N, C-alpha and C. Protein backbone atom coordinates (compact mmCIF):
# COMPACT_ATOMS: atom_id res chain seq x y z
N MET A 1 22.98 3.32 -30.73
CA MET A 1 24.04 2.84 -30.12
C MET A 1 25.44 3.66 -30.94
N VAL A 2 26.27 3.76 -29.78
CA VAL A 2 27.42 4.74 -30.12
C VAL A 2 28.64 3.54 -30.49
N THR A 3 29.11 4.46 -31.23
CA THR A 3 30.35 2.96 -32.10
C THR A 3 31.68 3.91 -31.64
N PRO A 4 32.51 2.65 -30.88
CA PRO A 4 33.81 3.01 -30.06
C PRO A 4 34.79 3.85 -31.15
N LEU A 5 35.60 4.60 -30.52
CA LEU A 5 36.07 5.41 -31.27
C LEU A 5 37.27 4.07 -31.81
N PRO A 6 37.90 4.59 -32.95
CA PRO A 6 39.22 3.86 -33.38
C PRO A 6 40.34 4.11 -32.77
N LEU A 7 41.34 3.83 -32.52
CA LEU A 7 42.39 3.66 -31.48
C LEU A 7 43.26 4.85 -32.01
N PRO A 8 43.21 4.96 -33.43
CA PRO A 8 44.31 6.09 -33.82
C PRO A 8 43.71 7.44 -33.44
N VAL A 9 42.10 7.56 -33.59
CA VAL A 9 41.14 8.76 -33.25
C VAL A 9 41.38 9.01 -31.83
N GLU A 10 41.06 8.24 -30.77
CA GLU A 10 41.32 8.05 -29.41
C GLU A 10 43.02 8.60 -29.07
N ARG A 11 44.22 8.16 -29.80
CA ARG A 11 44.94 8.98 -29.48
C ARG A 11 45.36 10.33 -29.71
N ALA A 12 44.63 10.43 -30.82
CA ALA A 12 44.96 12.05 -31.43
C ALA A 12 44.71 12.83 -30.66
N LEU A 13 43.27 12.83 -30.11
CA LEU A 13 42.56 13.13 -29.53
C LEU A 13 43.18 13.74 -27.74
N ARG A 14 43.65 12.69 -27.40
CA ARG A 14 44.68 12.80 -25.97
C ARG A 14 45.64 13.27 -26.53
N ARG A 15 46.78 13.18 -27.63
CA ARG A 15 47.55 14.29 -28.03
C ARG A 15 47.32 15.67 -27.85
N VAL A 16 45.97 16.05 -28.46
CA VAL A 16 45.38 17.63 -28.22
C VAL A 16 45.36 17.60 -27.31
N GLY A 17 44.34 17.08 -26.19
CA GLY A 17 44.28 17.35 -25.17
C GLY A 17 46.19 18.08 -23.92
N GLN A 18 46.70 16.93 -24.47
CA GLN A 18 47.95 16.79 -23.60
C GLN A 18 48.69 18.23 -24.31
N GLY A 19 48.74 18.94 -25.38
CA GLY A 19 48.93 19.95 -26.20
C GLY A 19 48.45 21.00 -25.34
N ILE A 20 47.16 21.11 -25.35
CA ILE A 20 46.48 22.24 -24.44
C ILE A 20 46.54 22.18 -23.15
N SER A 21 46.84 21.03 -22.15
CA SER A 21 47.32 21.21 -21.34
C SER A 21 48.94 22.10 -21.01
N LEU A 22 49.38 21.45 -22.34
CA LEU A 22 51.03 22.12 -22.13
C LEU A 22 51.37 23.37 -22.24
N ALA A 23 50.53 23.93 -22.91
CA ALA A 23 50.33 25.25 -23.19
C ALA A 23 49.87 26.28 -22.01
N ARG A 24 48.92 25.57 -21.72
CA ARG A 24 48.01 26.66 -20.56
C ARG A 24 49.32 26.53 -19.34
N ARG A 25 49.85 25.32 -19.09
CA ARG A 25 50.76 25.12 -18.02
C ARG A 25 52.23 26.35 -18.28
N ARG A 26 52.43 25.96 -19.60
CA ARG A 26 53.33 26.91 -20.24
C ARG A 26 53.27 28.32 -19.68
N ARG A 27 51.94 28.88 -19.79
CA ARG A 27 51.70 30.49 -19.84
C ARG A 27 50.96 30.66 -18.38
N HIS A 28 51.67 29.78 -17.48
CA HIS A 28 51.30 29.71 -15.93
C HIS A 28 50.04 30.30 -15.50
N MET A 29 48.90 29.43 -16.47
CA MET A 29 47.61 29.56 -16.24
C MET A 29 46.96 28.15 -15.57
N SER A 30 45.93 28.75 -14.60
CA SER A 30 45.21 27.28 -14.18
C SER A 30 44.50 27.21 -14.73
N GLN A 31 43.76 25.93 -14.75
CA GLN A 31 42.38 25.44 -15.27
C GLN A 31 41.14 26.62 -15.49
N ASP A 32 41.02 26.83 -14.07
CA ASP A 32 39.93 27.67 -13.89
C ASP A 32 40.16 29.09 -14.58
N MET A 33 41.39 29.65 -14.53
CA MET A 33 41.72 30.81 -15.63
C MET A 33 41.38 30.51 -16.97
N LEU A 34 42.15 29.33 -17.18
CA LEU A 34 41.43 29.19 -19.07
C LEU A 34 40.18 28.98 -19.01
N ALA A 35 39.46 28.15 -18.19
CA ALA A 35 38.08 28.25 -18.50
C ALA A 35 37.04 29.62 -18.40
N GLU A 36 37.74 30.09 -17.62
CA GLU A 36 36.80 31.55 -17.30
C GLU A 36 36.98 32.39 -19.11
N ARG A 37 38.34 32.47 -19.54
CA ARG A 37 38.66 33.14 -20.66
C ARG A 37 37.95 32.63 -21.68
N ILE A 38 37.92 30.94 -21.92
CA ILE A 38 37.12 30.88 -22.89
C ILE A 38 35.43 30.57 -22.81
N GLY A 39 34.94 31.12 -22.02
CA GLY A 39 33.83 31.06 -21.53
C GLY A 39 33.20 29.66 -21.29
N ALA A 40 33.99 28.93 -20.19
CA ALA A 40 33.27 27.62 -19.96
C ALA A 40 33.86 27.17 -18.79
N SER A 41 33.12 25.89 -18.40
CA SER A 41 33.63 25.43 -16.78
C SER A 41 34.78 24.64 -16.69
N VAL A 42 35.27 24.43 -15.42
CA VAL A 42 36.23 24.14 -15.23
C VAL A 42 36.38 22.56 -15.55
N ASN A 43 35.04 21.98 -15.87
CA ASN A 43 34.81 20.52 -16.01
C ASN A 43 35.41 20.14 -17.58
N THR A 44 34.69 21.53 -18.26
CA THR A 44 34.95 21.33 -19.66
C THR A 44 36.89 21.26 -20.36
N VAL A 45 37.17 22.12 -19.28
CA VAL A 45 38.65 22.38 -19.77
C VAL A 45 39.30 21.10 -19.26
N ARG A 46 39.05 20.11 -17.97
CA ARG A 46 39.71 19.06 -17.89
C ARG A 46 39.13 18.12 -18.82
N ARG A 47 37.82 18.10 -19.42
CA ARG A 47 37.45 17.18 -19.72
C ARG A 47 38.66 17.45 -21.89
N MET A 48 38.85 17.94 -22.12
CA MET A 48 39.14 19.09 -23.34
C MET A 48 41.08 18.67 -22.60
N GLU A 49 41.19 18.31 -21.76
CA GLU A 49 42.78 18.43 -21.73
C GLU A 49 43.00 16.82 -21.42
N GLU A 50 42.00 15.93 -21.15
CA GLU A 50 41.78 14.44 -21.48
C GLU A 50 41.73 13.99 -22.56
N GLY A 51 41.21 14.65 -23.33
CA GLY A 51 40.99 14.37 -24.58
C GLY A 51 39.67 13.57 -25.11
N SER A 52 38.74 14.13 -24.43
CA SER A 52 36.88 13.37 -24.20
C SER A 52 36.49 14.08 -25.86
N PRO A 53 35.97 13.03 -26.03
CA PRO A 53 35.45 13.34 -27.67
C PRO A 53 34.23 13.78 -27.57
N GLY A 54 33.73 14.09 -26.92
CA GLY A 54 32.48 14.58 -26.66
C GLY A 54 32.66 16.34 -25.96
N THR A 55 33.68 16.68 -26.47
CA THR A 55 34.20 18.30 -25.75
C THR A 55 34.07 19.14 -27.27
N ALA A 56 33.06 19.98 -27.29
CA ALA A 56 32.85 20.80 -28.54
C ALA A 56 33.87 21.68 -29.28
N LEU A 57 34.21 21.41 -30.55
CA LEU A 57 35.25 21.98 -31.17
C LEU A 57 35.67 23.79 -30.96
N GLN A 58 34.37 24.20 -30.49
CA GLN A 58 34.38 26.13 -30.16
C GLN A 58 35.53 25.85 -29.09
N HIS A 59 35.34 24.79 -28.11
CA HIS A 59 36.23 25.17 -26.89
C HIS A 59 37.63 24.85 -27.29
N PHE A 60 37.92 23.97 -27.55
CA PHE A 60 39.45 23.90 -28.87
C PHE A 60 39.88 25.11 -28.99
N ALA A 61 38.69 25.86 -30.12
CA ALA A 61 39.21 26.79 -30.88
C ALA A 61 39.32 28.13 -29.78
N ARG A 62 38.29 28.10 -29.05
CA ARG A 62 38.61 29.45 -28.40
C ARG A 62 39.55 29.13 -27.33
N ALA A 63 40.72 28.08 -26.67
CA ALA A 63 41.59 27.89 -26.26
C ALA A 63 42.63 28.32 -27.02
N LEU A 64 42.30 27.63 -28.55
CA LEU A 64 43.82 28.18 -29.19
C LEU A 64 43.73 29.62 -29.43
N GLN A 65 42.61 30.48 -29.61
CA GLN A 65 42.52 31.99 -29.50
C GLN A 65 43.07 32.55 -28.07
N VAL A 66 42.98 32.41 -27.28
CA VAL A 66 43.34 32.54 -26.04
C VAL A 66 45.39 32.63 -26.10
N PHE A 67 45.92 31.42 -26.54
CA PHE A 67 46.90 30.97 -26.49
C PHE A 67 47.78 31.57 -27.93
N GLY A 68 46.96 32.20 -28.99
CA GLY A 68 47.48 33.11 -29.89
C GLY A 68 47.89 32.18 -30.96
N GLU A 69 47.17 30.75 -30.65
CA GLU A 69 47.37 29.97 -31.66
C GLU A 69 46.13 29.36 -32.85
N LEU A 70 45.23 30.56 -33.15
CA LEU A 70 44.04 30.14 -33.50
C LEU A 70 44.37 29.69 -35.38
N ASP A 71 45.58 30.40 -35.48
CA ASP A 71 45.82 29.75 -37.16
C ASP A 71 46.16 28.47 -37.28
N LYS A 72 46.63 27.73 -35.99
CA LYS A 72 46.71 26.43 -36.36
C LYS A 72 45.66 25.42 -36.53
N LEU A 73 44.27 25.70 -36.05
CA LEU A 73 42.89 25.16 -36.29
C LEU A 73 42.78 25.37 -38.12
N GLU A 74 43.00 26.46 -38.32
CA GLU A 74 42.83 27.04 -39.90
C GLU A 74 43.78 25.92 -41.03
N LEU A 75 44.58 25.70 -40.45
CA LEU A 75 45.61 24.70 -41.32
C LEU A 75 45.08 23.36 -41.20
N LEU A 76 44.37 22.95 -40.32
CA LEU A 76 44.13 21.34 -40.19
C LEU A 76 43.90 20.56 -41.61
N LEU A 77 42.61 21.31 -42.23
CA LEU A 77 42.72 20.65 -43.89
C LEU A 77 42.62 22.07 -44.93
N ASP A 78 44.02 22.68 -44.68
CA ASP A 78 44.35 23.17 -45.89
C ASP A 78 44.36 22.75 -47.26
N SER A 79 43.48 22.97 -48.03
CA SER A 79 42.92 22.34 -49.47
C SER A 79 44.07 22.53 -50.41
N SER A 80 45.21 23.51 -49.82
CA SER A 80 46.73 23.27 -50.57
C SER A 80 47.54 22.24 -50.20
N GLN A 81 47.49 21.64 -49.24
CA GLN A 81 48.03 20.61 -48.75
C GLN A 81 47.33 19.27 -48.85
N ASP A 82 46.20 18.92 -49.14
CA ASP A 82 45.65 18.02 -49.30
C ASP A 82 46.03 16.58 -50.50
N THR A 83 47.16 16.48 -50.28
CA THR A 83 47.86 15.92 -51.02
C THR A 83 47.14 14.60 -51.93
N VAL A 84 46.15 13.74 -50.88
CA VAL A 84 45.45 13.08 -51.56
C VAL A 84 44.31 13.41 -52.70
N GLY A 85 43.36 14.20 -51.83
CA GLY A 85 42.43 15.44 -53.13
C GLY A 85 43.32 15.95 -54.16
N LEU A 86 44.63 16.39 -54.10
CA LEU A 86 45.21 17.15 -54.97
C LEU A 86 45.37 16.05 -56.41
N THR A 87 45.90 14.93 -55.80
CA THR A 87 46.43 13.68 -56.79
C THR A 87 45.19 13.11 -57.44
N LEU A 88 43.81 13.07 -56.78
CA LEU A 88 42.35 12.55 -57.17
C LEU A 88 42.26 13.89 -58.55
N MET A 89 42.44 14.93 -58.10
CA MET A 89 41.94 16.21 -59.05
C MET A 89 42.95 15.80 -60.36
N ASP A 90 44.35 15.89 -60.05
CA ASP A 90 45.19 15.56 -60.86
C ASP A 90 44.83 14.75 -62.27
N GLU A 91 44.43 13.51 -61.52
CA GLU A 91 44.34 12.34 -62.31
C GLU A 91 42.87 12.82 -62.87
N ASN A 92 42.20 13.62 -62.85
CA ASN A 92 41.03 13.91 -63.62
C ASN A 92 41.30 14.91 -64.76
N LEU A 93 42.27 15.49 -64.69
CA LEU A 93 42.44 16.43 -65.74
C LEU A 93 42.73 15.87 -67.24
N PRO A 94 42.07 16.96 -68.07
CA PRO A 94 42.32 16.68 -69.46
C PRO A 94 43.93 16.36 -69.82
N GLN A 95 43.84 15.51 -71.07
CA GLN A 95 45.34 15.59 -71.53
C GLN A 95 45.47 17.17 -72.32
N ARG A 96 44.54 17.22 -73.37
CA ARG A 96 44.52 18.49 -73.70
C ARG A 96 43.59 19.84 -73.62
N VAL A 97 43.44 20.71 -73.99
CA VAL A 97 42.77 21.88 -73.43
C VAL A 97 42.44 22.77 -74.77
N ARG A 98 41.44 22.37 -75.79
CA ARG A 98 41.50 23.45 -76.92
C ARG A 98 40.26 24.40 -76.48
N ALA A 99 40.61 25.15 -77.59
CA ALA A 99 39.77 26.56 -77.20
C ALA A 99 38.92 26.39 -77.65
N PRO A 100 37.53 27.32 -77.09
CA PRO A 100 36.21 26.72 -77.86
C PRO A 100 35.86 26.92 -78.79
N ARG A 101 34.68 26.42 -79.84
CA ARG A 101 34.61 26.54 -81.14
C ARG A 101 33.64 28.12 -80.97
N ARG A 102 34.07 28.73 -82.04
CA ARG A 102 33.29 29.97 -82.12
C ARG A 102 31.85 30.06 -82.44
N THR A 103 30.86 30.49 -81.78
CA THR A 103 29.59 30.17 -82.41
C THR A 103 29.17 31.47 -83.34
N PRO A 104 28.43 31.40 -84.65
CA PRO A 104 28.10 32.40 -85.21
C PRO A 104 27.65 33.97 -84.64
N GLU A 105 26.75 33.85 -83.45
CA GLU A 105 26.88 35.13 -82.60
C GLU A 105 27.89 35.59 -82.24
N GLN A 106 29.15 35.16 -82.04
CA GLN A 106 30.24 35.98 -81.23
C GLN A 106 30.85 36.33 -82.29
N GLY A 107 30.40 36.24 -83.37
CA GLY A 107 31.49 36.68 -84.64
C GLY A 107 32.85 36.60 -84.68
N ALA A 108 33.36 37.09 -85.80
CA ALA A 108 34.95 37.26 -85.73
C ALA A 108 35.44 38.52 -85.27
N PHE A 109 36.70 38.38 -85.13
CA PHE A 109 37.36 39.92 -84.49
C PHE A 109 37.67 40.55 -85.65
């Protein structure tokens, strides 16, 4: 059984597809030209631009590389920008940090 996509996910995929289409047209590339450059079929490019959820991520990554925008993909889940994750980590920080006790094997300096 296939679960329907949540509406926000569907909208986001459509926006990404529209962005791919716009980037392609701004560079005066046909769908056929983009398909050749990313090693995919024209149907794949069409599905990508429609925001089809079944389109493999590798095709988006290859298109971004063609457009010179691959770094955008790497920023999607940049851990330094993950405010929720950082907040959760900060909640678990100790109140104090003490130096570890020395054991007899370590000796004194």
